Amino acid sequence: ENMDGVDQWDTIVSGKESKRESVLLNIDEVEDVSSALIGKYKL
């Protein structure tokens, strides 16, 4: 459970649209820096 990865095999093999629409790029609570991406926007 709690798998963050998405199966991309069909996307790689046949070019189907990816199931992934967002990604957590990182949270570094010590350095107090974080980033994420949804669609075309990255914060």
Full PDB file with SEQRES, HELIX, SHEET, SSBOND, CRYST1, ORIGX, SCALE, CONECT and MASTER records, all heavy atoms in Angstrom:
SEQRES   1 A   43  GLU ASN MET ASP GLY VAL ASP GLN TRP ASP THR ILE VAL          
SEQRES   2 A   43  SER GLY LYS GLU SER LYS ARG GLU SER VAL LEU LEU ASN          
SEQRES   3 A   43  ILE ASP GLU VAL GLU ASP VAL SER SER ALA LEU ILE GLY          
SEQRES   4 A   43  LYS TYR LYS LEU                                              
HELIX    1 AA1 TRP A    9  SER A   14  1                                   6    
SHEET    1 AA1 2 SER A  22  ASP A  28  0                                        
SHEET    2 AA1 2 VAL A  33  ILE A  38 -1                                        
CRYST1    1.000    1.000    1.000  90.00  90.00  90.00 P 1           1          
ORIGX1      1.000000  0.000000  0.000000        0.00000                         
ORIGX2      0.000000  1.000000  0.000000        0.00000                         
ORIGX3      0.000000  0.000000  1.000000        0.00000                         
SCALE1      1.000000  0.000000  0.000000        0.00000                         
SCALE2      0.000000  1.000000  0.000000        0.00000                         
SCALE3      0.000000  0.000000  1.000000        0.00000                         
ATOM      1  N   GLU A   1       0.831  -1.200   0.000  1.00  0.00           N  
ATOM      2  CA  GLU A   1       0.000   0.000   0.000  1.00  0.00           C  
ATOM      3  C   GLU A   1       0.870   1.257   0.000  1.00  0.00           C  
ATOM      4  O   GLU A   1       2.071   1.199   0.201  1.00  0.00           O  
ATOM      5  CB  GLU A   1      -0.912   0.005   1.232  1.00  0.00           C  
ATOM      6  CG  GLU A   1      -1.949  -1.128   1.241  1.00  0.00           C  
ATOM      7  CD  GLU A   1      -2.820  -1.080   2.473  1.00  0.00           C  
ATOM      8  OE1 GLU A   1      -2.562  -0.241   3.354  1.00  0.00           O  
ATOM      9  OE2 GLU A   1      -3.769  -1.882   2.546  1.00  0.00           O  
ATOM     10  N   ASN A   2       0.232   2.381  -0.243  1.00  0.00           N  
ATOM     11  CA  ASN A   2       0.900   3.684  -0.252  1.00  0.00           C  
ATOM     12  C   ASN A   2       2.002   3.757  -1.303  1.00  0.00           C  
ATOM     13  O   ASN A   2       3.051   4.368  -1.090  1.00  0.00           O  
ATOM     14  CB  ASN A   2       1.481   4.017   1.132  1.00  0.00           C  
ATOM     15  CG  ASN A   2       0.427   4.071   2.201  1.00  0.00           C  
ATOM     16  OD1 ASN A   2      -0.684   4.558   1.958  1.00  0.00           O  
ATOM     17  ND2 ASN A   2       0.727   3.566   3.382  1.00  0.00           N  
ATOM     18  N   MET A   3       1.752   3.131  -2.446  1.00  0.00           N  
ATOM     19  CA  MET A   3       2.686   3.206  -3.557  1.00  0.00           C  
ATOM     20  C   MET A   3       2.422   4.514  -4.302  1.00  0.00           C  
ATOM     21  O   MET A   3       1.312   4.774  -4.754  1.00  0.00           O  
ATOM     22  CB  MET A   3       2.490   2.005  -4.478  1.00  0.00           C  
ATOM     23  CG  MET A   3       3.594   1.780  -5.482  1.00  0.00           C  
ATOM     24  SD  MET A   3       5.179   1.284  -4.794  1.00  0.00           S  
ATOM     25  CE  MET A   3       4.769  -0.245  -3.950  1.00  0.00           C  
ATOM     26  N   ASP A   4       3.453   5.343  -4.432  1.00  0.00           N  
ATOM     27  CA  ASP A   4       3.296   6.622  -5.134  1.00  0.00           C  
ATOM     28  C   ASP A   4       3.555   6.482  -6.624  1.00  0.00           C  
ATOM     29  O   ASP A   4       3.129   7.326  -7.415  1.00  0.00           O  
ATOM     30  CB  ASP A   4       4.244   7.668  -4.544  1.00  0.00           C  
ATOM     31  CG  ASP A   4       3.925   7.974  -3.083  1.00  0.00           C  
ATOM     32  OD1 ASP A   4       2.782   8.396  -2.818  1.00  0.00           O  
ATOM     33  OD2 ASP A   4       4.802   7.776  -2.225  1.00  0.00           O  
ATOM     34  N   GLY A   5       4.271   5.437  -7.012  1.00  0.00           N  
ATOM     35  CA  GLY A   5       4.564   5.213  -8.419  1.00  0.00           C  
ATOM     36  C   GLY A   5       3.323   4.824  -9.205  1.00  0.00           C  
ATOM     37  O   GLY A   5       2.374   4.242  -8.670  1.00  0.00           O  
ATOM     38  N   VAL A   6       3.344   5.149 -10.486  1.00  0.00           N  
ATOM     39  CA  VAL A   6       2.245   4.860 -11.407  1.00  0.00           C  
ATOM     40  C   VAL A   6       2.763   3.937 -12.507  1.00  0.00           C  
ATOM     41  O   VAL A   6       3.865   4.132 -13.022  1.00  0.00           O  
ATOM     42  CB  VAL A   6       1.713   6.177 -12.031  1.00  0.00           C  
ATOM     43  CG1 VAL A   6       0.698   5.894 -13.130  1.00  0.00           C  
ATOM     44  CG2 VAL A   6       1.105   7.063 -10.951  1.00  0.00           C  
ATOM     45  N   ASP A   7       1.974   2.945 -12.868  1.00  0.00           N  
ATOM     46  CA  ASP A   7       2.345   2.037 -13.951  1.00  0.00           C  
ATOM     47  C   ASP A   7       2.329   2.799 -15.283  1.00  0.00           C  
ATOM     48  O   ASP A   7       1.287   3.250 -15.741  1.00  0.00           O  
ATOM     49  CB  ASP A   7       1.366   0.860 -13.991  1.00  0.00           C  
ATOM     50  CG  ASP A   7       1.594  -0.067 -15.178  1.00  0.00           C  
ATOM     51  OD1 ASP A   7       2.673   0.006 -15.794  1.00  0.00           O  
ATOM     52  OD2 ASP A   7       0.687  -0.869 -15.473  1.00  0.00           O  
ATOM     53  N   GLN A   8       3.491   2.922 -15.900  1.00  0.00           N  
ATOM     54  CA  GLN A   8       3.617   3.675 -17.150  1.00  0.00           C  
ATOM     55  C   GLN A   8       3.898   2.761 -18.345  1.00  0.00           C  
ATOM     56  O   GLN A   8       4.290   3.247 -19.413  1.00  0.00           O  
ATOM     57  CB  GLN A   8       4.780   4.683 -17.021  1.00  0.00           C  
ATOM     58  CG  GLN A   8       4.618   5.695 -15.911  1.00  0.00           C  
ATOM     59  CD  GLN A   8       3.963   6.979 -16.387  1.00  0.00           C  
ATOM     60  OE1 GLN A   8       3.345   7.021 -17.447  1.00  0.00           O  
ATOM     61  NE2 GLN A   8       4.098   8.035 -15.610  1.00  0.00           N  
ATOM     62  N   TRP A   9       3.714   1.444 -18.184  1.00  0.00           N  
ATOM     63  CA  TRP A   9       4.113   0.527 -19.245  1.00  0.00           C  
ATOM     64  C   TRP A   9       3.341   0.771 -20.547  1.00  0.00           C  
ATOM     65  O   TRP A   9       3.927   0.811 -21.629  1.00  0.00           O  
ATOM     66  CB  TRP A   9       3.971  -0.914 -18.772  1.00  0.00           C  
ATOM     67  CG  TRP A   9       4.494  -1.928 -19.744  1.00  0.00           C  
ATOM     68  CD1 TRP A   9       3.836  -3.015 -20.241  1.00  0.00           C  
ATOM     69  CD2 TRP A   9       5.803  -1.960 -20.342  1.00  0.00           C  
ATOM     70  NE1 TRP A   9       4.646  -3.714 -21.104  1.00  0.00           N  
ATOM     71  CE2 TRP A   9       5.857  -3.087 -21.187  1.00  0.00           C  
ATOM     72  CE3 TRP A   9       6.929  -1.135 -20.254  1.00  0.00           C  
ATOM     73  CZ2 TRP A   9       6.986  -3.417 -21.937  1.00  0.00           C  
ATOM     74  CZ3 TRP A   9       8.060  -1.460 -21.002  1.00  0.00           C  
ATOM     75  CH2 TRP A   9       8.077  -2.585 -21.832  1.00  0.00           C  
ATOM     76  N   ASP A  10       2.031   0.959 -20.468  1.00  0.00           N  
ATOM     77  CA  ASP A  10       1.243   1.220 -21.670  1.00  0.00           C  
ATOM     78  C   ASP A  10       1.657   2.540 -22.327  1.00  0.00           C  
ATOM     79  O   ASP A  10       1.642   2.664 -23.558  1.00  0.00           O  
ATOM     80  CB  ASP A  10      -0.252   1.254 -21.347  1.00  0.00           C  
ATOM     81  CG  ASP A  10      -0.835  -0.131 -21.118  1.00  0.00           C  
ATOM     82  OD1 ASP A  10      -0.174  -1.111 -21.503  1.00  0.00           O  
ATOM     83  OD2 ASP A  10      -1.924  -0.230 -20.539  1.00  0.00           O  
ATOM     84  N   THR A  11       2.002   3.514 -21.516  1.00  0.00           N  
ATOM     85  CA  THR A  11       2.455   4.807 -22.041  1.00  0.00           C  
ATOM     86  C   THR A  11       3.754   4.633 -22.820  1.00  0.00           C  
ATOM     87  O   THR A  11       3.929   5.212 -23.899  1.00  0.00           O  
ATOM     88  CB  THR A  11       2.656   5.811 -20.890  1.00  0.00           C  
ATOM     89  OG1 THR A  11       1.424   5.975 -20.195  1.00  0.00           O  
ATOM     90  CG2 THR A  11       3.130   7.156 -21.404  1.00  0.00           C  
ATOM     91  N   ILE A  12       4.664   3.837 -22.274  1.00  0.00           N  
ATOM     92  CA  ILE A  12       5.944   3.606 -22.938  1.00  0.00           C  
ATOM     93  C   ILE A  12       5.770   2.764 -24.195  1.00  0.00           C  
ATOM     94  O   ILE A  12       6.315   3.074 -25.260  1.00  0.00           O  
ATOM     95  CB  ILE A  12       6.930   2.926 -21.968  1.00  0.00           C  
ATOM     96  CG1 ILE A  12       7.331   3.900 -20.852  1.00  0.00           C  
ATOM     97  CG2 ILE A  12       8.165   2.418 -22.698  1.00  0.00           C  
ATOM     98  CD1 ILE A  12       8.106   3.255 -19.713  1.00  0.00           C  
ATOM     99  N   VAL A  13       4.982   1.696 -24.098  1.00  0.00           N  
ATOM    100  CA  VAL A  13       4.852   0.747 -25.209  1.00  0.00           C  
ATOM    101  C   VAL A  13       4.076   1.341 -26.378  1.00  0.00           C  
ATOM    102  O   VAL A  13       4.495   1.229 -27.538  1.00  0.00           O  
ATOM    103  CB  VAL A  13       4.168  -0.556 -24.729  1.00  0.00           C  
ATOM    104  CG1 VAL A  13       3.787  -1.430 -25.914  1.00  0.00           C  
ATOM    105  CG2 VAL A  13       5.104  -1.318 -23.816  1.00  0.00           C  
ATOM    106  N   SER A  14       2.953   1.967 -26.104  1.00  0.00           N  
ATOM    107  CA  SER A  14       2.067   2.381 -27.194  1.00  0.00           C  
ATOM    108  C   SER A  14       1.775   3.871 -27.233  1.00  0.00           C  
ATOM    109  O   SER A  14       0.992   4.326 -28.063  1.00  0.00           O  
ATOM    110  CB  SER A  14       0.743   1.611 -27.111  1.00  0.00           C  
ATOM    111  OG  SER A  14       0.130   1.806 -25.848  1.00  0.00           O  
ATOM    112  N   GLY A  15       2.397   4.636 -26.343  1.00  0.00           N  
ATOM    113  CA  GLY A  15       2.201   6.074 -26.373  1.00  0.00           C  
ATOM    114  C   GLY A  15       0.891   6.548 -25.793  1.00  0.00           C  
ATOM    115  O   GLY A  15       0.470   7.686 -26.040  1.00  0.00           O  
ATOM    116  N   LYS A  16       0.220   5.699 -25.009  1.00  0.00           N  
ATOM    117  CA  LYS A  16      -1.034   6.110 -24.388  1.00  0.00           C  
ATOM    118  C   LYS A  16      -0.788   7.232 -23.380  1.00  0.00           C  
ATOM    119  O   LYS A  16       0.297   7.368 -22.833  1.00  0.00           O  
ATOM    120  CB  LYS A  16      -1.694   4.919 -23.686  1.00  0.00           C  
ATOM    121  CG  LYS A  16      -2.231   3.856 -24.624  1.00  0.00           C  
ATOM    122  CD  LYS A  16      -2.929   2.745 -23.856  1.00  0.00           C  
ATOM    123  CE  LYS A  16      -3.487   1.691 -24.802  1.00  0.00           C  
ATOM    124  NZ  LYS A  16      -4.163   0.588 -24.071  1.00  0.00           N  
ATOM    125  N   GLU A  17      -1.820   7.997 -23.138  1.00  0.00           N  
ATOM    126  CA  GLU A  17      -1.715   9.102 -22.192  1.00  0.00           C  
ATOM    127  C   GLU A  17      -1.397   8.568 -20.800  1.00  0.00           C  
ATOM    128  O   GLU A  17      -1.964   7.563 -20.355  1.00  0.00           O  
ATOM    129  CB  GLU A  17      -3.024   9.879 -22.159  1.00  0.00           C  
ATOM    130  CG  GLU A  17      -2.983  11.132 -21.307  1.00  0.00           C  
ATOM    131  CD  GLU A  17      -4.267  11.940 -21.387  1.00  0.00           C  
ATOM    132  OE1 GLU A  17      -5.076  11.675 -22.307  1.00  0.00           O  
ATOM    133  OE2 GLU A  17      -4.466  12.820 -20.523  1.00  0.00           O  
ATOM    134  N   SER A  18      -0.459   9.217 -20.127  1.00  0.00           N  
ATOM    135  CA  SER A  18      -0.046   8.786 -18.805  1.00  0.00           C  
ATOM    136  C   SER A  18      -1.166   8.969 -17.786  1.00  0.00           C  
ATOM    137  O   SER A  18      -1.952   9.914 -17.866  1.00  0.00           O  
ATOM    138  CB  SER A  18       1.182   9.579 -18.348  1.00  0.00           C  
ATOM    139  OG  SER A  18       1.491   9.311 -16.999  1.00  0.00           O  
ATOM    140  N   LYS A  19      -1.220   8.042 -16.821  1.00  0.00           N  
ATOM    141  CA  LYS A  19      -2.181   8.159 -15.727  1.00  0.00           C  
ATOM    142  C   LYS A  19      -1.725   9.197 -14.706  1.00  0.00           C  
ATOM    143  O   LYS A  19      -2.493   9.601 -13.838  1.00  0.00           O  
ATOM    144  CB  LYS A  19      -2.351   6.810 -15.037  1.00  0.00           C  
ATOM    145  CG  LYS A  19      -2.860   5.705 -15.951  1.00  0.00           C  
ATOM    146  CD  LYS A  19      -2.820   4.354 -15.254  1.00  0.00           C  
ATOM    147  CE  LYS A  19      -3.190   3.228 -16.204  1.00  0.00           C  
ATOM    148  NZ  LYS A  19      -3.028   1.890 -15.570  1.00  0.00           N  
ATOM    149  N   ARG A  20      -0.468   9.599 -14.809  1.00  0.00           N  
ATOM    150  CA  ARG A  20       0.072  10.557 -13.827  1.00  0.00           C  
ATOM    151  C   ARG A  20      -0.264  11.985 -14.266  1.00  0.00           C  
ATOM    152  O   ARG A  20       0.090  12.407 -15.366  1.00  0.00           O  
ATOM    153  CB  ARG A  20       1.584  10.389 -13.697  1.00  0.00           C  
ATOM    154  CG  ARG A  20       2.187  11.365 -12.697  1.00  0.00           C  
ATOM    155  CD  ARG A  20       3.677  11.151 -12.507  1.00  0.00           C  
ATOM    156  NE  ARG A  20       3.990   9.995 -11.675  1.00  0.00           N  
ATOM    157  CZ  ARG A  20       3.855   9.943 -10.358  1.00  0.00           C  
ATOM    158  NH1 ARG A  20       3.369  11.000  -9.706  1.00  0.00           N  
ATOM    159  NH2 ARG A  20       4.182   8.870  -9.686  1.00  0.00           N  
ATOM    160  N   GLU A  21      -0.921  12.706 -13.375  1.00  0.00           N  
ATOM    161  CA  GLU A  21      -1.273  14.102 -13.637  1.00  0.00           C  
ATOM    162  C   GLU A  21      -0.542  15.057 -12.704  1.00  0.00           C  
ATOM    163  O   GLU A  21      -0.558  16.272 -12.923  1.00  0.00           O  
ATOM    164  CB  GLU A  21      -2.782  14.295 -13.485  1.00  0.00           C  
ATOM    165  CG  GLU A  21      -3.608  13.462 -14.472  1.00  0.00           C  
ATOM    166  CD  GLU A  21      -5.096  13.613 -14.256  1.00  0.00           C  
ATOM    167  OE1 GLU A  21      -5.487  14.182 -13.197  1.00  0.00           O  
ATOM    168  OE2 GLU A  21      -5.867  13.186 -15.128  1.00  0.00           O  
ATOM    169  N   SER A  22       0.083  14.499 -11.659  1.00  0.00           N  
ATOM    170  CA  SER A  22       0.752  15.350 -10.683  1.00  0.00           C  
ATOM    171  C   SER A  22       1.932  14.597 -10.087  1.00  0.00           C  
ATOM    172  O   SER A  22       2.026  13.374 -10.194  1.00  0.00           O  
ATOM    173  CB  SER A  22      -0.228  15.749  -9.565  1.00  0.00           C  
ATOM    174  OG  SER A  22      -0.713  14.581  -8.894  1.00  0.00           O  
ATOM    175  N   VAL A  23       2.817  15.346  -9.452  1.00  0.00           N  
ATOM    176  CA  VAL A  23       3.951  14.718  -8.784  1.00  0.00           C  
ATOM    177  C   VAL A  23       4.427  15.619  -7.643  1.00  0.00           C  
ATOM    178  O   VAL A  23       4.491  16.844  -7.778  1.00  0.00           O  
ATOM    179  CB  VAL A  23       5.103  14.439  -9.776  1.00  0.00           C  
ATOM    180  CG1 VAL A  23       5.623  15.710 -10.429  1.00  0.00           C  
ATOM    181  CG2 VAL A  23       6.259  13.718  -9.093  1.00  0.00           C  
ATOM    182  N   LEU A  24       4.687  15.004  -6.500  1.00  0.00           N  
ATOM    183  CA  LEU A  24       5.347  15.704  -5.414  1.00  0.00           C  
ATOM    184  C   LEU A  24       6.838  15.677  -5.711  1.00  0.00           C  
ATOM    185  O   LEU A  24       7.449  14.601  -5.757  1.00  0.00           O  
ATOM    186  CB  LEU A  24       5.072  15.022  -4.068  1.00  0.00           C  
ATOM    187  CG  LEU A  24       5.774  15.660  -2.863  1.00  0.00           C  
ATOM    188  CD1 LEU A  24       5.132  16.998  -2.518  1.00  0.00           C  
ATOM    189  CD2 LEU A  24       5.745  14.727  -1.661  1.00  0.00           C  
ATOM    190  N   LEU A  25       7.428  16.829  -5.913  1.00  0.00           N  
ATOM    191  CA  LEU A  25       8.842  16.885  -6.286  1.00  0.00           C  
ATOM    192  C   LEU A  25       9.751  16.769  -5.073  1.00  0.00           C  
ATOM    193  O   LEU A  25      10.838  16.215  -5.183  1.00  0.00           O  
ATOM    194  CB  LEU A  25       9.122  18.167  -7.070  1.00  0.00           C  
ATOM    195  CG  LEU A  25       8.361  18.237  -8.406  1.00  0.00           C  
ATOM    196  CD1 LEU A  25       8.496  19.609  -9.043  1.00  0.00           C  
ATOM    197  CD2 LEU A  25       8.836  17.151  -9.355  1.00  0.00           C  
ATOM    198  N   ASN A  26       9.319  17.260  -3.945  1.00  0.00           N  
ATOM    199  CA  ASN A  26      10.015  17.006  -2.672  1.00  0.00           C  
ATOM    200  C   ASN A  26       9.437  17.906  -1.584  1.00  0.00           C  
ATOM    201  O   ASN A  26       8.878  18.963  -1.856  1.00  0.00           O  
ATOM    202  CB  ASN A  26      11.518  17.259  -2.775  1.00  0.00           C  
ATOM    203  CG  ASN A  26      12.298  16.554  -1.661  1.00  0.00           C  
ATOM    204  OD1 ASN A  26      11.841  15.555  -1.124  1.00  0.00           O  
ATOM    205  ND2 ASN A  26      13.465  17.075  -1.314  1.00  0.00           N  
ATOM    206  N   ILE A  27       9.581  17.440  -0.361  1.00  0.00           N  
ATOM    207  CA  ILE A  27       9.385  18.274   0.822  1.00  0.00           C  
ATOM    208  C   ILE A  27      10.626  18.076   1.683  1.00  0.00           C  
ATOM    209  O   ILE A  27      10.925  16.957   2.095  1.00  0.00           O  
ATOM    210  CB  ILE A  27       8.137  17.869   1.635  1.00  0.00           C  
ATOM    211  CG1 ILE A  27       6.868  17.949   0.789  1.00  0.00           C  
ATOM    212  CG2 ILE A  27       8.004  18.764   2.878  1.00  0.00           C  
ATOM    213  CD1 ILE A  27       5.624  17.402   1.501  1.00  0.00           C  
ATOM    214  N   ASP A  28      11.360  19.135   1.899  1.00  0.00           N  
ATOM    215  CA  ASP A  28      12.516  19.099   2.797  1.00  0.00           C  
ATOM    216  C   ASP A  28      12.182  19.984   3.983  1.00  0.00           C  
ATOM    217  O   ASP A  28      12.329  21.213   3.925  1.00  0.00           O  
ATOM    218  CB  ASP A  28      13.778  19.581   2.077  1.00  0.00           C  
ATOM    219  CG  ASP A  28      15.041  19.374   2.909  1.00  0.00           C  
ATOM    220  OD1 ASP A  28      14.958  19.451   4.158  1.00  0.00           O  
ATOM    221  OD2 ASP A  28      16.113  19.125   2.319  1.00  0.00           O  
ATOM    222  N   GLU A  29      11.684  19.353   5.041  1.00  0.00           N  
ATOM    223  CA  GLU A  29      11.216  20.125   6.193  1.00  0.00           C  
ATOM    224  C   GLU A  29      12.352  20.756   6.981  1.00  0.00           C  
ATOM    225  O   GLU A  29      12.139  21.722   7.736  1.00  0.00           O  
ATOM    226  CB  GLU A  29      10.346  19.237   7.105  1.00  0.00           C  
ATOM    227  CG  GLU A  29      11.097  18.252   7.990  1.00  0.00           C  
ATOM    228  CD  GLU A  29      11.569  16.996   7.287  1.00  0.00           C  
ATOM    229  OE1 GLU A  29      11.568  16.968   6.034  1.00  0.00           O  
ATOM    230  OE2 GLU A  29      11.948  16.047   7.982  1.00  0.00           O  
ATOM    231  N   VAL A  30      13.566  20.257   6.820  1.00  0.00           N  
ATOM    232  CA  VAL A  30      14.721  20.841   7.502  1.00  0.00           C  
ATOM    233  C   VAL A  30      15.157  22.130   6.804  1.00  0.00           C  
ATOM    234  O   VAL A  30      15.376  23.156   7.438  1.00  0.00           O  
ATOM    235  CB  VAL A  30      15.884  19.830   7.572  1.00  0.00           C  
ATOM    236  CG1 VAL A  30      17.141  20.498   8.120  1.00  0.00           C  
ATOM    237  CG2 VAL A  30      15.493  18.635   8.430  1.00  0.00           C  
ATOM    238  N   GLU A  31      15.264  22.074   5.478  1.00  0.00           N  
ATOM    239  CA  GLU A  31      15.634  23.263   4.699  1.00  0.00           C  
ATOM    240  C   GLU A  31      14.428  24.166   4.441  1.00  0.00           C  
ATOM    241  O   GLU A  31      14.585  25.273   3.909  1.00  0.00           O  
ATOM    242  CB  GLU A  31      16.250  22.836   3.366  1.00  0.00           C  
ATOM    243  CG  GLU A  31      17.555  22.060   3.493  1.00  0.00           C  
ATOM    244  CD  GLU A  31      18.673  22.893   4.075  1.00  0.00           C  
ATOM    245  OE1 GLU A  31      18.665  24.135   3.896  1.00  0.00           O  
ATOM    246  OE2 GLU A  31      19.565  22.306   4.724  1.00  0.00           O  
ATOM    247  N   ASP A  32      13.232  23.688   4.797  1.00  0.00           N  
ATOM    248  CA  ASP A  32      11.989  24.431   4.621  1.00  0.00           C  
ATOM    249  C   ASP A  32      11.761  24.792   3.150  1.00  0.00           C  
ATOM    250  O   ASP A  32      11.475  25.938   2.796  1.00  0.00           O  
ATOM    251  CB  ASP A  32      11.990  25.701   5.482  1.00  0.00           C  
ATOM    252  CG  ASP A  32      10.603  26.333   5.577  1.00  0.00           C  
ATOM    253  OD1 ASP A  32       9.615  25.601   5.381  1.00  0.00           O  
ATOM    254  OD2 ASP A  32      10.522  27.564   5.797  1.00  0.00           O  
ATOM    255  N   VAL A  33      11.905  23.792   2.295  1.00  0.00           N  
ATOM    256  CA  VAL A  33      11.706  23.961   0.854  1.00  0.00           C  
ATOM    257  C   VAL A  33      10.816  22.824   0.361  1.00  0.00           C  
ATOM    258  O   VAL A  33      10.985  21.672   0.774  1.00  0.00           O  
ATOM    259  CB  VAL A  33      13.051  23.934   0.091  1.00  0.00           C  
ATOM    260  CG1 VAL A  33      12.816  24.017  -1.407  1.00  0.00           C  
ATOM    261  CG2 VAL A  33      13.953  25.063   0.539  1.00  0.00           C  
ATOM    262  N   SER A  34       9.874  23.152  -0.519  1.00  0.00           N  
ATOM    263  CA  SER A  34       9.022  22.102  -1.087  1.00  0.00           C  
ATOM    264  C   SER A  34       8.613  22.492  -2.491  1.00  0.00           C  
ATOM    265  O   SER A  34       8.688  23.656  -2.888  1.00  0.00           O  
ATOM    266  CB  SER A  34       7.793  21.857  -0.208  1.00  0.00           C  
ATOM    267  OG  SER A  34       7.057  23.055  -0.043  1.00  0.00           O  
ATOM    268  N   SER A  35       8.157  21.476  -3.235  1.00  0.00           N  
ATOM    269  CA  SER A  35       7.756  21.742  -4.609  1.00  0.00           C  
ATOM    270  C   SER A  35       6.847  20.629  -5.099  1.00  0.00           C  
ATOM    271  O   SER A  35       6.976  19.472  -4.695  1.00  0.00           O  
ATOM    272  CB  SER A  35       8.978  21.843  -5.526  1.00  0.00           C  
ATOM    273  OG  SER A  35       8.603  22.103  -6.862  1.00  0.00           O  
ATOM    274  N   ALA A  36       5.928  20.989  -5.982  1.00  0.00           N  
ATOM    275  CA  ALA A  36       5.033  20.009  -6.595  1.00  0.00           C  
ATOM    276  C   ALA A  36       4.640  20.500  -7.974  1.00  0.00           C  
ATOM    277  O   ALA A  36       4.801  21.687  -8.308  1.00  0.00           O  
ATOM    278  CB  ALA A  36       3.789  19.798  -5.735  1.00  0.00           C  
ATOM    279  N   LEU A  37       4.113  19.568  -8.763  1.00  0.00           N  
ATOM    280  CA  LEU A  37       3.730  19.876 -10.139  1.00  0.00           C  
ATOM    281  C   LEU A  37       2.368  19.239 -10.417  1.00  0.00           C  
ATOM    282  O   LEU A  37       2.177  18.057 -10.146  1.00  0.00           O  
ATOM    283  CB  LEU A  37       4.795  19.328 -11.092  1.00  0.00           C  
ATOM    284  CG  LEU A  37       4.806  19.752 -12.559  1.00  0.00           C  
ATOM    285  CD1 LEU A  37       6.194  19.540 -13.144  1.00  0.00           C  
ATOM    286  CD2 LEU A  37       3.793  18.960 -13.379  1.00  0.00           C  
ATOM    287  N   ILE A  38       1.450  20.033 -10.911  1.00  0.00           N  
ATOM    288  CA  ILE A  38       0.142  19.529 -11.348  1.00  0.00           C  
ATOM    289  C   ILE A  38      -0.111  20.062 -12.751  1.00  0.00           C  
ATOM    290  O   ILE A  38      -0.103  21.279 -12.975  1.00  0.00           O  
ATOM    291  CB  ILE A  38      -1.003  19.965 -10.410  1.00  0.00           C  
ATOM    292  CG1 ILE A  38      -0.803  19.408  -9.004  1.00  0.00           C  
ATOM    293  CG2 ILE A  38      -2.342  19.497 -10.957  1.00  0.00           C  
ATOM    294  CD1 ILE A  38      -1.888  19.831  -8.007  1.00  0.00           C  
ATOM    295  N   GLY A  39      -0.333  19.142 -13.685  1.00  0.00           N  
ATOM    296  CA  GLY A  39      -0.511  19.575 -15.064  1.00  0.00           C  
ATOM    297  C   GLY A  39       0.741  20.265 -15.577  1.00  0.00           C  
ATOM    298  O   GLY A  39       1.835  19.716 -15.514  1.00  0.00           O  
ATOM    299  N   LYS A  40       0.593  21.478 -16.043  1.00  0.00           N  
ATOM    300  CA  LYS A  40       1.751  22.214 -16.566  1.00  0.00           C  
ATOM    301  C   LYS A  40       2.336  23.192 -15.553  1.00  0.00           C  
ATOM    302  O   LYS A  40       3.324  23.867 -15.843  1.00  0.00           O  
ATOM    303  CB  LYS A  40       1.367  22.966 -17.843  1.00  0.00           C  
ATOM    304  CG  LYS A  40       0.361  24.092 -17.650  1.00  0.00           C  
ATOM    305  CD  LYS A  40       0.103  24.798 -18.985  1.00  0.00           C  
ATOM    306  CE  LYS A  40      -0.842  25.980 -18.807  1.00  0.00           C  
ATOM    307  NZ  LYS A  40      -1.042  26.717 -20.083  1.00  0.00           N  
ATOM    308  N   TYR A  41       1.734  23.257 -14.363  1.00  0.00           N  
ATOM    309  CA  TYR A  41       2.176  24.246 -13.380  1.00  0.00           C  
ATOM    310  C   TYR A  41       3.005  23.622 -12.250  1.00  0.00           C  
ATOM    311  O   TYR A  41       2.634  22.583 -11.712  1.00  0.00           O  
ATOM    312  CB  TYR A  41       0.971  24.988 -12.782  1.00  0.00           C  
ATOM    313  CG  TYR A  41       0.299  25.909 -13.765  1.00  0.00           C  
ATOM    314  CD1 TYR A  41      -0.932  25.571 -14.326  1.00  0.00           C  
ATOM    315  CD2 TYR A  41       0.895  27.109 -14.137  1.00  0.00           C  
ATOM    316  CE1 TYR A  41      -1.563  26.417 -15.229  1.00  0.00           C  
ATOM    317  CE2 TYR A  41       0.278  27.969 -15.044  1.00  0.00           C  
ATOM    318  CZ  TYR A  41      -0.949  27.617 -15.595  1.00  0.00           C  
ATOM    319  OH  TYR A  41      -1.549  28.448 -16.491  1.00  0.00           O  
ATOM    320  N   LYS A  42       4.065  24.309 -11.941  1.00  0.00           N  
ATOM    321  CA  LYS A  42       4.987  23.857 -10.892  1.00  0.00           C  
ATOM    322  C   LYS A  42       5.159  24.973  -9.867  1.00  0.00           C  
ATOM    323  O   LYS A  42       5.429  26.122 -10.223  1.00  0.00           O  
ATOM    324  CB  LYS A  42       6.340  23.500 -11.511  1.00  0.00           C  
ATOM    325  CG  LYS A  42       7.450  23.205 -10.508  1.00  0.00           C  
ATOM    326  CD  LYS A  42       8.757  22.947 -11.253  1.00  0.00           C  
ATOM    327  CE  LYS A  42       9.934  22.877 -10.306  1.00  0.00           C  
ATOM    328  NZ  LYS A  42      11.209  22.737 -11.046  1.00  0.00           N  
ATOM    329  N   LEU A  43       5.021  24.604  -8.591  1.00  0.00           N  
ATOM    330  CA  LEU A  43       5.178  25.567  -7.498  1.00  0.00           C  
ATOM    331  C   LEU A  43       6.414  25.215  -6.687  1.00  0.00           C  
ATOM    332  O   LEU A  43       6.619  24.056  -6.319  1.00  0.00           O  
ATOM    333  CB  LEU A  43       3.947  25.540  -6.584  1.00  0.00           C  
ATOM    334  CG  LEU A  43       3.982  26.464  -5.364  1.00  0.00           C  
ATOM    335  CD1 LEU A  43       3.915  27.936  -5.791  1.00  0.00           C  
ATOM    336  CD2 LEU A  43       2.832  26.134  -4.401  1.00  0.00           C  
TER     337      LEU A  43                                                      
MASTER        0    0    0    1    2    0    0    6  336    1    0    4          
END                                                                             
